[in-house]
C-alpha atoms as a PDB file:
ATOM      1  CA  UNK A   1     -19.754  20.896 -18.497  1.00  0.00           C
ATOM      2  CA  UNK A   2     -18.160  18.050 -16.505  1.00  0.00           C
ATOM      3  CA  UNK A   3     -14.600  18.689 -15.370  1.00  0.00           C
ATOM      4  CA  UNK A   4     -12.195  16.203 -16.951  1.00  0.00           C
ATOM      5  CA  UNK A   5      -9.104  14.992 -15.149  1.00  0.00           C
ATOM      6  CA  UNK A   6      -5.968  13.359 -16.525  1.00  0.00           C
ATOM      7  CA  UNK A   7      -6.785   9.796 -17.571  1.00  0.00           C
ATOM      8  CA  UNK A   8      -4.152   7.120 -18.091  1.00  0.00           C
ATOM      9  CA  UNK A   9      -3.718   5.727 -21.592  1.00  0.00           C
ATOM     10  CA  UNK A  10      -2.011   2.358 -21.619  1.00  0.00           C
ATOM     11  CA  UNK A  11      -2.193  -1.070 -23.185  1.00  0.00           C
ATOM     12  CA  UNK A  12      -4.400  -3.829 -21.853  1.00  0.00           C
ATOM     13  CA  UNK A  13      -1.293  -5.771 -20.781  1.00  0.00           C
ATOM     14  CA  UNK A  14       0.078  -2.775 -18.868  1.00  0.00           C
ATOM     15  CA  UNK A  15      -3.244  -2.309 -17.105  1.00  0.00           C
ATOM     16  CA  UNK A  16      -3.451  -5.932 -15.949  1.00  0.00           C
ATOM     17  CA  UNK A  17       0.209  -5.906 -14.868  1.00  0.00           C
ATOM     18  CA  UNK A  18      -0.638  -3.291 -12.222  1.00  0.00           C
ATOM     19  CA  UNK A  19      -1.089  -5.251  -8.981  1.00  0.00           C
ATOM     20  CA  UNK A  20      -1.011  -2.195  -6.684  1.00  0.00           C
ATOM     21  CA  UNK A  21      -4.570  -1.159  -7.500  1.00  0.00           C
ATOM     22  CA  UNK A  22      -7.710  -3.219  -6.930  1.00  0.00           C
ATOM     23  CA  UNK A  23      -9.691  -4.070 -10.030  1.00  0.00           C
ATOM     24  CA  UNK A  24     -13.296  -5.169 -10.115  1.00  0.00           C
ATOM     25  CA  UNK A  25     -12.436  -8.833 -10.682  1.00  0.00           C
ATOM     26  CA  UNK A  26     -10.053  -8.734  -7.700  1.00  0.00           C
ATOM     27  CA  UNK A  27     -12.818  -7.399  -5.466  1.00  0.00           C
ATOM     28  CA  UNK A  28     -15.142 -10.132  -6.703  1.00  0.00           C
ATOM     29  CA  UNK A  29     -12.452 -12.723  -5.937  1.00  0.00           C
ATOM     30  CA  UNK A  30     -12.427 -11.418  -2.354  1.00  0.00           C
ATOM     31  CA  UNK A  31     -16.216 -11.586  -2.225  1.00  0.00           C
ATOM     32  CA  UNK A  32     -16.045 -15.233  -3.264  1.00  0.00           C
ATOM     33  CA  UNK A  33     -13.243 -16.084  -0.843  1.00  0.00           C
ATOM     34  CA  UNK A  34     -10.816 -13.986   1.166  1.00  0.00           C
ATOM     35  CA  UNK A  35      -8.312 -16.826   1.043  1.00  0.00           C
ATOM     36  CA  UNK A  36      -8.628 -16.952  -2.734  1.00  0.00           C
ATOM     37  CA  UNK A  37      -7.784 -13.247  -2.796  1.00  0.00           C
ATOM     38  CA  UNK A  38      -4.799 -13.907  -0.517  1.00  0.00           C
ATOM     39  CA  UNK A  39      -3.397 -16.584  -2.803  1.00  0.00           C
ATOM     40  CA  UNK A  40      -3.997 -14.711  -6.059  1.00  0.00           C
ATOM     41  CA  UNK A  41      -3.425 -11.069  -5.187  1.00  0.00           C
ATOM     42  CA  UNK A  42      -1.827 -10.689  -1.739  1.00  0.00           C
ATOM     43  CA  UNK A  43       0.740 -13.459  -1.385  1.00  0.00           C
ATOM     44  CA  UNK A  44       0.629 -14.162  -5.133  1.00  0.00           C
ATOM     45  CA  UNK A  45       1.413 -17.828  -4.662  1.00  0.00           C
ATOM     46  CA  UNK A  46      -1.031 -18.733  -7.437  1.00  0.00           C
ATOM     47  CA  UNK A  47      -1.971 -17.304 -10.812  1.00  0.00           C
ATOM     48  CA  UNK A  48      -5.542 -16.961 -11.938  1.00  0.00           C
ATOM     49  CA  UNK A  49      -6.259 -19.514 -14.633  1.00  0.00           C
ATOM     50  CA  UNK A  50      -7.496 -18.091 -17.907  1.00  0.00           C
ATOM     51  CA  UNK A  51     -10.473 -20.189 -18.944  1.00  0.00           C
ATOM     52  CA  UNK A  52     -11.400 -20.769 -22.584  1.00  0.00           C
ATOM     53  CA  UNK A  53     -14.405 -18.500 -22.036  1.00  0.00           C
ATOM     54  CA  UNK A  54     -12.214 -15.684 -20.673  1.00  0.00           C
ATOM     55  CA  UNK A  55      -9.739 -15.975 -23.548  1.00  0.00           C
ATOM     56  CA  UNK A  56     -12.559 -15.906 -26.092  1.00  0.00           C
ATOM     57  CA  UNK A  57     -14.091 -12.890 -24.365  1.00  0.00           C
ATOM     58  CA  UNK A  58     -10.829 -10.973 -24.785  1.00  0.00           C
ATOM     59  CA  UNK A  59     -10.669 -11.937 -28.463  1.00  0.00           C
ATOM     60  CA  UNK A  60     -14.262 -10.793 -28.972  1.00  0.00           C
ATOM     61  CA  UNK A  61     -13.481  -7.449 -27.335  1.00  0.00           C
ATOM     62  CA  UNK A  62     -10.508  -6.929 -29.646  1.00  0.00           C
ATOM     63  CA  UNK A  63     -12.513  -7.772 -32.770  1.00  0.00           C
ATOM     64  CA  UNK A  64     -15.447  -5.569 -31.754  1.00  0.00           C
ATOM     65  CA  UNK A  65     -13.681  -2.566 -30.281  1.00  0.00           C
ATOM     66  CA  UNK A  66     -10.046  -2.470 -31.398  1.00  0.00           C
ATOM     67  CA  UNK A  67      -9.489  -4.686 -34.470  1.00  0.00           C
ATOM     68  CA  UNK A  68      -6.337  -2.703 -35.263  1.00  0.00           C
ATOM     69  CA  UNK A  69      -4.534  -4.293 -32.298  1.00  0.00           C
ATOM     70  CA  UNK A  70      -5.257  -7.872 -33.390  1.00  0.00           C
ATOM     71  CA  UNK A  71      -1.938  -8.482 -35.182  1.00  0.00           C
ATOM     72  CA  UNK A  72       0.076  -7.166 -32.232  1.00  0.00           C
ATOM     73  CA  UNK A  73      -1.727  -9.222 -29.595  1.00  0.00           C
ATOM     74  CA  UNK A  74      -2.960 -12.366 -31.368  1.00  0.00           C
ATOM     75  CA  UNK A  75      -1.665 -15.013 -33.739  1.00  0.00           C
ATOM     76  CA  UNK A  76      -3.766 -17.527 -35.673  1.00  0.00           C
ATOM     77  CA  UNK A  77      -2.809 -21.125 -35.035  1.00  0.00           C
ATOM     78  CA  UNK A  78      -1.936 -23.192 -38.097  1.00  0.00           C
ATOM     79  CA  UNK A  79      -4.000 -26.217 -39.046  1.00  0.00           C
ATOM     80  CA  UNK A  80      -2.065 -28.704 -36.934  1.00  0.00           C
ATOM     81  CA  UNK A  81      -4.139 -31.634 -38.167  1.00  0.00           C
ATOM     82  CA  UNK A  82      -3.006 -30.883 -41.693  1.00  0.00           C
ATOM     83  CA  UNK A  83       0.617 -30.106 -40.791  1.00  0.00           C
ATOM     84  CA  UNK A  84       1.261 -33.001 -38.430  1.00  0.00           C
ATOM     85  CA  UNK A  85       0.489 -36.407 -39.905  1.00  0.00           C
ATOM     86  CA  UNK A  86       1.473 -39.981 -39.241  1.00  0.00           C
ATOM     87  CA  UNK A  87       4.282 -41.505 -41.301  1.00  0.00           C
ATOM     88  CA  UNK A  88       1.731 -43.084 -43.625  1.00  0.00           C
ATOM     89  CA  UNK A  89       0.123 -39.671 -44.218  1.00  0.00           C
ATOM     90  CA  UNK A  90      -3.030 -40.337 -42.200  1.00  0.00           C
ATOM     91  CA  UNK A  91      -4.326 -37.970 -39.528  1.00  0.00           C
ATOM     92  CA  UNK A  92      -3.993 -38.475 -35.804  1.00  0.00           C
ATOM     93  CA  UNK A  93      -7.215 -39.151 -33.911  1.00  0.00           C
ATOM     94  CA  UNK A  94      -6.124 -36.344 -31.565  1.00  0.00           C
ATOM     95  CA  UNK A  95      -3.222 -34.373 -32.997  1.00  0.00           C
ATOM     96  CA  UNK A  96      -2.695 -32.371 -29.786  1.00  0.00           C
ATOM     97  CA  UNK A  97      -2.087 -35.605 -27.898  1.00  0.00           C
ATOM     98  CA  UNK A  98       0.575 -36.704 -30.374  1.00  0.00           C
ATOM     99  CA  UNK A  99       4.307 -36.601 -29.657  1.00  0.00           C
ATOM    100  CA  UNK A 100       5.141 -34.578 -32.820  1.00  0.00           C
ATOM    101  CA  UNK A 101       2.673 -31.861 -31.765  1.00  0.00           C
ATOM    102  CA  UNK A 102       4.046 -31.723 -28.223  1.00  0.00           C
ATOM    103  CA  UNK A 103       7.507 -31.278 -29.692  1.00  0.00           C
ATOM    104  CA  UNK A 104       6.522 -28.651 -32.255  1.00  0.00           C
ATOM    105  CA  UNK A 105       4.063 -26.550 -30.253  1.00  0.00           C
ATOM    106  CA  UNK A 106       6.514 -25.044 -27.693  1.00  0.00           C
ATOM    107  CA  UNK A 107       8.787 -23.878 -30.523  1.00  0.00           C
ATOM    108  CA  UNK A 108       5.828 -22.272 -32.299  1.00  0.00           C
ATOM    109  CA  UNK A 109       4.782 -20.518 -29.082  1.00  0.00           C
ATOM    110  CA  UNK A 110       8.319 -19.212 -28.596  1.00  0.00           C
ATOM    111  CA  UNK A 111       8.363 -17.846 -32.149  1.00  0.00           C
ATOM    112  CA  UNK A 112       5.125 -15.971 -31.390  1.00  0.00           C
ATOM    113  CA  UNK A 113       5.956 -14.983 -27.829  1.00  0.00           C
ATOM    114  CA  UNK A 114       3.754 -12.214 -26.460  1.00  0.00           C
ATOM    115  CA  UNK A 115       0.835 -13.012 -28.765  1.00  0.00           C
ATOM    116  CA  UNK A 116      -2.216 -15.036 -27.753  1.00  0.00           C
ATOM    117  CA  UNK A 117      -2.890 -18.055 -30.003  1.00  0.00           C
ATOM    118  CA  UNK A 118      -6.385 -18.238 -31.491  1.00  0.00           C
ATOM    119  CA  UNK A 119      -8.006 -20.676 -33.868  1.00  0.00           C
ATOM    120  CA  UNK A 120      -9.525 -19.759 -37.215  1.00  0.00           C
ATOM    121  CA  UNK A 121     -12.879 -20.977 -35.883  1.00  0.00           C
ATOM    122  CA  UNK A 122     -12.811 -18.741 -32.788  1.00  0.00           C
ATOM    123  CA  UNK A 123     -11.694 -15.748 -34.856  1.00  0.00           C
ATOM    124  CA  UNK A 124     -14.521 -16.301 -37.336  1.00  0.00           C
ATOM    125  CA  UNK A 125     -17.023 -16.505 -34.473  1.00  0.00           C
ATOM    126  CA  UNK A 126     -15.684 -13.353 -32.797  1.00  0.00           C
ATOM    127  CA  UNK A 127     -15.826 -11.408 -36.073  1.00  0.00           C
ATOM    128  CA  UNK A 128     -19.378 -12.618 -36.737  1.00  0.00           C
ATOM    129  CA  UNK A 129     -20.395 -11.420 -33.272  1.00  0.00           C
ATOM    130  CA  UNK A 130     -18.764  -8.051 -33.896  1.00  0.00           C
ATOM    131  CA  UNK A 131     -20.702  -7.705 -37.158  1.00  0.00           C
ATOM    132  CA  UNK A 132     -23.929  -8.513 -35.318  1.00  0.00           C
ATOM    133  CA  UNK A 133     -23.383  -5.502 -33.058  1.00  0.00           C
ATOM    134  CA  UNK A 134     -23.220  -3.260 -36.123  1.00  0.00           C
ATOM    135  CA  UNK A 135     -26.607  -4.618 -37.226  1.00  0.00           C
ATOM    136  CA  UNK A 136     -28.265  -3.840 -33.884  1.00  0.00           C
ATOM    137  CA  UNK A 137     -29.825  -0.360 -33.809  1.00  0.00           C
ATOM    138  CA  UNK A 138     -30.058  -0.196 -29.976  1.00  0.00           C
ATOM    139  CA  UNK A 139     -26.389  -1.183 -29.699  1.00  0.00           C
ATOM    140  CA  UNK A 140     -25.253   1.244 -32.411  1.00  0.00           C
ATOM    141  CA  UNK A 141     -27.272   4.096 -30.895  1.00  0.00           C
ATOM    142  CA  UNK A 142     -25.635   3.446 -27.529  1.00  0.00           C
ATOM    143  CA  UNK A 143     -22.118   3.147 -28.950  1.00  0.00           C
ATOM    144  CA  UNK A 144     -22.616   6.433 -30.807  1.00  0.00           C
ATOM    145  CA  UNK A 145     -22.912   8.146 -27.430  1.00  0.00           C
ATOM    146  CA  UNK A 146     -19.371   7.058 -26.478  1.00  0.00           C
ATOM    147  CA  UNK A 147     -16.131   8.817 -27.339  1.00  0.00           C
ATOM    148  CA  UNK A 148     -13.560   6.781 -25.405  1.00  0.00           C
ATOM    149  CA  UNK A 149     -12.461   3.133 -25.776  1.00  0.00           C
ATOM    150  CA  UNK A 150     -10.471   1.020 -23.290  1.00  0.00           C
ATOM    151  CA  UNK A 151      -9.432   3.919 -21.055  1.00  0.00           C
ATOM    152  CA  UNK A 152      -7.827   3.201 -17.675  1.00  0.00           C
ATOM    153  CA  UNK A 153      -8.951   4.988 -14.515  1.00  0.00           C
ATOM    154  CA  UNK A 154      -7.311   4.922 -11.087  1.00  0.00           C
ATOM    155  CA  UNK A 155      -8.474   6.480  -7.836  1.00  0.00           C
ATOM    156  CA  UNK A 156      -8.207   6.399  -4.073  1.00  0.00           C
ATOM    157  CA  UNK A 157     -11.107   4.362  -2.727  1.00  0.00           C
ATOM    158  CA  UNK A 158     -12.948   6.308   0.033  1.00  0.00           C
ATOM    159  CA  UNK A 159     -11.624   5.296   3.426  1.00  0.00           C
ATOM    160  CA  UNK A 160      -7.990   5.470   2.361  1.00  0.00           C
ATOM    161  CA  UNK A 161      -7.240   1.750   2.681  1.00  0.00           C
ATOM    162  CA  UNK A 162      -7.267   0.811  -0.993  1.00  0.00           C
ATOM    163  CA  UNK A 163      -6.566   2.238  -4.420  1.00  0.00           C
ATOM    164  CA  UNK A 164      -8.852   1.196  -7.245  1.00  0.00           C
ATOM    165  CA  UNK A 165      -8.617   0.798 -10.994  1.00  0.00           C
ATOM    166  CA  UNK A 166     -11.064   0.081 -13.801  1.00  0.00           C
ATOM    167  CA  UNK A 167     -10.959  -0.039 -17.587  1.00  0.00           C
ATOM    168  CA  UNK A 168     -14.395   0.361 -19.196  1.00  0.00           C
ATOM    169  CA  UNK A 169     -14.778  -1.039 -22.682  1.00  0.00           C
ATOM    170  CA  UNK A 170     -16.289   2.277 -23.757  1.00  0.00           C
ATOM    171  CA  UNK A 171     -17.627   5.408 -22.115  1.00  0.00           C
ATOM    172  CA  UNK A 172     -19.059   8.737 -23.179  1.00  0.00           C
ATOM    173  CA  UNK A 173     -18.357  11.837 -21.102  1.00  0.00           C
ATOM    174  CA  UNK A 174     -21.138  14.067 -22.425  1.00  0.00           C
ATOM    175  CA  UNK A 175     -23.708  11.245 -22.441  1.00  0.00           C
ATOM    176  CA  UNK A 176     -22.405   9.930 -19.098  1.00  0.00           C
ATOM    177  CA  UNK A 177     -22.674   6.311 -20.147  1.00  0.00           C
ATOM    178  CA  UNK A 178     -20.396   3.348 -19.479  1.00  0.00           C
ATOM    179  CA  UNK A 179     -20.539   0.238 -21.678  1.00  0.00           C
ATOM    180  CA  UNK A 180     -19.243  -3.274 -21.143  1.00  0.00           C
ATOM    181  CA  UNK A 181     -19.368  -5.974 -23.842  1.00  0.00           C
ATOM    182  CA  UNK A 182     -20.213  -9.529 -22.863  1.00  0.00           C
ATOM    183  CA  UNK A 183     -20.297 -12.735 -24.878  1.00  0.00           C
ATOM    184  CA  UNK A 184     -22.748 -15.403 -23.763  1.00  0.00           C
ATOM    185  CA  UNK A 185     -23.866 -18.902 -24.649  1.00  0.00           C
ATOM    186  CA  UNK A 186     -27.424 -17.721 -23.916  1.00  0.00           C
ATOM    187  CA  UNK A 187     -27.747 -13.916 -24.145  1.00  0.00           C
ATOM    188  CA  UNK A 188     -31.531 -13.972 -23.664  1.00  0.00           C
ATOM    189  CA  UNK A 189     -32.795 -11.564 -20.967  1.00  0.00           C
ATOM    190  CA  UNK A 190     -33.877 -13.535 -17.931  1.00  0.00           C
ATOM    191  CA  UNK A 191     -31.431 -16.428 -18.193  1.00  0.00           C
ATOM    192  CA  UNK A 192     -28.532 -14.006 -18.747  1.00  0.00           C
ATOM    193  CA  UNK A 193     -29.706 -11.726 -15.913  1.00  0.00           C
ATOM    194  CA  UNK A 194     -29.494 -14.575 -13.423  1.00  0.00           C
ATOM    195  CA  UNK A 195     -25.974 -15.437 -14.559  1.00  0.00           C
ATOM    196  CA  UNK A 196     -25.010 -11.767 -14.413  1.00  0.00           C
ATOM    197  CA  UNK A 197     -25.778 -11.628 -10.709  1.00  0.00           C
ATOM    198  CA  UNK A 198     -24.077 -14.974 -10.148  1.00  0.00           C
ATOM    199  CA  UNK A 199     -20.934 -13.544 -11.750  1.00  0.00           C
ATOM    200  CA  UNK A 200     -21.146 -10.364  -9.665  1.00  0.00           C
ATOM    201  CA  UNK A 201     -21.706  -7.986 -12.574  1.00  0.00           C
ATOM    202  CA  UNK A 202     -23.617  -5.673 -10.222  1.00  0.00           C
ATOM    203  CA  UNK A 203     -20.343  -5.267  -8.311  1.00  0.00           C
ATOM    204  CA  UNK A 204     -18.471  -4.591 -11.542  1.00  0.00           C
ATOM    205  CA  UNK A 205     -20.957  -1.894 -12.552  1.00  0.00           C
ATOM    206  CA  UNK A 206     -20.766  -0.209  -9.146  1.00  0.00           C
ATOM    207  CA  UNK A 207     -16.958  -0.319  -9.182  1.00  0.00           C
ATOM    208  CA  UNK A 208     -16.744   1.165 -12.676  1.00  0.00           C
ATOM    209  CA  UNK A 209     -19.176   3.939 -11.809  1.00  0.00           C
ATOM    210  CA  UNK A 210     -17.061   4.778  -8.745  1.00  0.00           C
ATOM    211  CA  UNK A 211     -13.877   4.862 -10.805  1.00  0.00           C
ATOM    212  CA  UNK A 212     -15.247   6.992 -13.615  1.00  0.00           C
ATOM    213  CA  UNK A 213     -16.948   9.432 -11.241  1.00  0.00           C
ATOM    214  CA  UNK A 214     -13.728   9.797  -9.238  1.00  0.00           C
ATOM    215  CA  UNK A 215     -11.951  10.931 -12.409  1.00  0.00           C
ATOM    216  CA  UNK A 216     -14.681  12.839 -14.220  1.00  0.00           C
ATOM    217  CA  UNK A 217     -16.896  15.169 -12.215  1.00  0.00           C
ATOM    218  CA  UNK A 218     -20.201  14.311 -13.822  1.00  0.00           C
ATOM    219  CA  UNK A 219     -23.358  12.755 -12.394  1.00  0.00           C
ATOM    220  CA  UNK A 220     -25.138  10.452 -12.770  1.00  0.00           C
ATOM    221  CA  UNK A 221     -23.479   7.742 -14.866  1.00  0.00           C
ATOM    222  CA  UNK A 222     -25.531   5.046 -16.575  1.00  0.00           C
ATOM    223  CA  UNK A 223     -24.126   1.537 -17.011  1.00  0.00           C
ATOM    224  CA  UNK A 224     -25.045  -0.748 -19.923  1.00  0.00           C
ATOM    225  CA  UNK A 225     -24.056  -4.213 -21.055  1.00  0.00           C
ATOM    226  CA  UNK A 226     -24.107  -5.159 -24.716  1.00  0.00           C
ATOM    227  CA  UNK A 227     -24.615  -8.927 -24.617  1.00  0.00           C
ATOM    228  CA  UNK A 228     -23.918 -10.944 -27.756  1.00  0.00           C
ATOM    229  CA  UNK A 229     -24.671 -14.616 -28.310  1.00  0.00           C
ATOM    230  CA  UNK A 230     -21.769 -16.880 -29.202  1.00  0.00           C
ATOM    231  CA  UNK A 231     -23.955 -19.065 -31.398  1.00  0.00           C
ATOM    232  CA  UNK A 232     -25.677 -18.033 -34.659  1.00  0.00           C
ATOM    233  CA  UNK A 233     -27.568 -15.848 -35.255  1.00  0.00           C
ATOM    234  CA  UNK A 234     -25.499 -14.038 -32.575  1.00  0.00           C
ATOM    235  CA  UNK A 235     -28.418 -12.138 -31.061  1.00  0.00           C
ATOM    236  CA  UNK A 236     -27.561  -8.775 -29.481  1.00  0.00           C
ATOM    237  CA  UNK A 237     -29.243  -7.374 -26.368  1.00  0.00           C
ATOM    238  CA  UNK A 238     -28.627  -4.012 -24.723  1.00  0.00           C
ATOM    239  CA  UNK A 239     -29.100  -4.387 -20.963  1.00  0.00           C
ATOM    240  CA  UNK A 240     -29.226  -1.470 -18.529  1.00  0.00           C
ATOM    241  CA  UNK A 241     -27.899  -2.094 -15.017  1.00  0.00           C
ATOM    242  CA  UNK A 242     -30.535  -0.385 -12.884  1.00  0.00           C
ATOM    243  CA  UNK A 243     -29.732   1.882  -9.962  1.00  0.00           C
ATOM    244  CA  UNK A 244     -31.213  -0.729  -7.636  1.00  0.00           C
ATOM    245  CA  UNK A 245     -28.726  -3.306  -8.922  1.00  0.00           C
ATOM    246  CA  UNK A 246     -25.821  -0.844  -8.668  1.00  0.00           C
ATOM    247  CA  UNK A 247     -26.842  -0.040  -5.085  1.00  0.00           C
ATOM    248  CA  UNK A 248     -26.635  -3.761  -4.315  1.00  0.00           C
ATOM    249  CA  UNK A 249     -23.195  -3.829  -5.958  1.00  0.00           C
ATOM    250  CA  UNK A 250     -22.034  -0.851  -3.886  1.00  0.00           C
ATOM    251  CA  UNK A 251     -23.170  -2.560  -0.684  1.00  0.00           C
ATOM    252  CA  UNK A 252     -21.438  -5.811  -1.652  1.00  0.00           C
ATOM    253  CA  UNK A 253     -18.215  -3.994  -2.550  1.00  0.00           C
ATOM    254  CA  UNK A 254     -18.254  -2.024   0.722  1.00  0.00           C
ATOM    255  CA  UNK A 255     -18.788  -5.205   2.734  1.00  0.00           C
ATOM    256  CA  UNK A 256     -16.015  -6.997   0.861  1.00  0.00           C
ATOM    257  CA  UNK A 257     -13.540  -4.139   1.300  1.00  0.00           C
ATOM    258  CA  UNK A 258     -14.308  -4.045   5.021  1.00  0.00           C
ATOM    259  CA  UNK A 259     -13.739  -7.796   5.293  1.00  0.00           C
ATOM    260  CA  UNK A 260     -10.570  -7.501   3.221  1.00  0.00           C
ATOM    261  CA  UNK A 261      -9.186  -4.705   5.398  1.00  0.00           C
ATOM    262  CA  UNK A 262      -9.663  -6.852   8.498  1.00  0.00           C
ATOM    263  CA  UNK A 263      -8.143  -9.917   6.829  1.00  0.00           C
ATOM    264  CA  UNK A 264      -5.012  -7.980   5.897  1.00  0.00           C
ATOM    265  CA  UNK A 265      -4.736  -6.232   9.268  1.00  0.00           C
ATOM    266  CA  UNK A 266      -5.107  -9.383  11.396  1.00  0.00           C
ATOM    267  CA  UNK A 267      -3.781 -11.886   8.836  1.00  0.00           C
ATOM    268  CA  UNK A 268      -7.010 -13.833   9.234  1.00  0.00           C
ATOM    269  CA  UNK A 269      -8.334 -14.924   5.848  1.00  0.00           C
ATOM    270  CA  UNK A 270     -11.384 -16.875   7.019  1.00  0.00           C
ATOM    271  CA  UNK A 271     -14.772 -15.871   5.699  1.00  0.00           C
ATOM    272  CA  UNK A 272     -16.838 -13.892   8.258  1.00  0.00           C
ATOM    273  CA  UNK A 273     -19.387 -16.730   8.429  1.00  0.00           C
ATOM    274  CA  UNK A 274     -16.598 -19.134   9.420  1.00  0.00           C
ATOM    275  CA  UNK A 275     -16.006 -17.245  12.658  1.00  0.00           C
ATOM    276  CA  UNK A 276     -19.389 -17.894  14.269  1.00  0.00           C
ATOM    277  CA  UNK A 277     -22.482 -20.052  13.982  1.00  0.00           C
ATOM    278  CA  UNK A 278     -25.110 -18.768  11.581  1.00  0.00           C
ATOM    279  CA  UNK A 279     -28.765 -19.487  10.915  1.00  0.00           C
ATOM    280  CA  UNK A 280     -29.894 -21.521   7.922  1.00  0.00           C
ATOM    281  CA  UNK A 281     -31.866 -19.282   5.567  1.00  0.00           C
ATOM    282  CA  UNK A 282     -35.059 -20.917   4.335  1.00  0.00           C
ATOM    283  CA  UNK A 283     -35.133 -20.657   0.517  1.00  0.00           C
ATOM    284  CA  UNK A 284     -37.851 -18.465  -0.986  1.00  0.00           C
ATOM    285  CA  UNK A 285     -39.366 -21.327  -2.978  1.00  0.00           C
ATOM    286  CA  UNK A 286     -39.793 -23.328   0.253  1.00  0.00           C
ATOM    287  CA  UNK A 287     -41.566 -20.429   1.932  1.00  0.00           C
ATOM    288  CA  UNK A 288     -43.747 -19.901  -1.125  1.00  0.00           C
ATOM    289  CA  UNK A 289     -44.826 -23.539  -1.201  1.00  0.00           C
ATOM    290  CA  UNK A 290     -45.640 -23.614   2.520  1.00  0.00           C
ATOM    291  CA  UNK A 291     -49.322 -24.164   3.295  1.00  0.00           C
END
């Protein structure tokens, strides 16, 4: 039997408030740009902007995995177009651009402080996506192998320079599986796979495997994505992150942490390729078309 260690139970907000441990998204920020990491996570002169896609992803996670926390963390926006009208009773062409809305909205936000506003439309979409998961046998079979939801892990990253954290959507100790839910405009295998690597999901998988293994002595761990389409019929695909992909993620994370250590030590936040001349890499499709 795998040996279990003490695992931290905390809210999502408490987890994200911890800036002393590196999370997967922070490592990927450093991979993208060391100076971006400096501004967001080292000097903290900027805050990471929450895109509409990121906010919807969080809502989808809550609806699919922890619907009981919806009321505490979210609030449904009223129908502003119906509430705020012109003096003659007609609707504004764009109610959010109107002066009455700009006056009323801050007060409404203050009344619901600490809760994320969501629209009825987005909530209906997120719930429909959650129901689609329940109709997918591969997804349900995988979820049945998990016994933990939204559990935080922290560990000392090998090398002693950094401390890591991760918070898998779900994991199963006996089955040794880790699951992450993703929403996608196009969840189809192939197109989604390419975007997954663009977003650095191989790094995320490698980081999560490291974190879970550091806390639970069990090997090996398998990593899966459950990818759900945002648009009807909300197709569901279970995607396994292969060991080859995780190995690539491990290598990328190791390289990034090495670059980050040097940037912090010497206060030099340039990308490695900025420090010397480099060769242009001929694209594969150019080589393939060469006669």
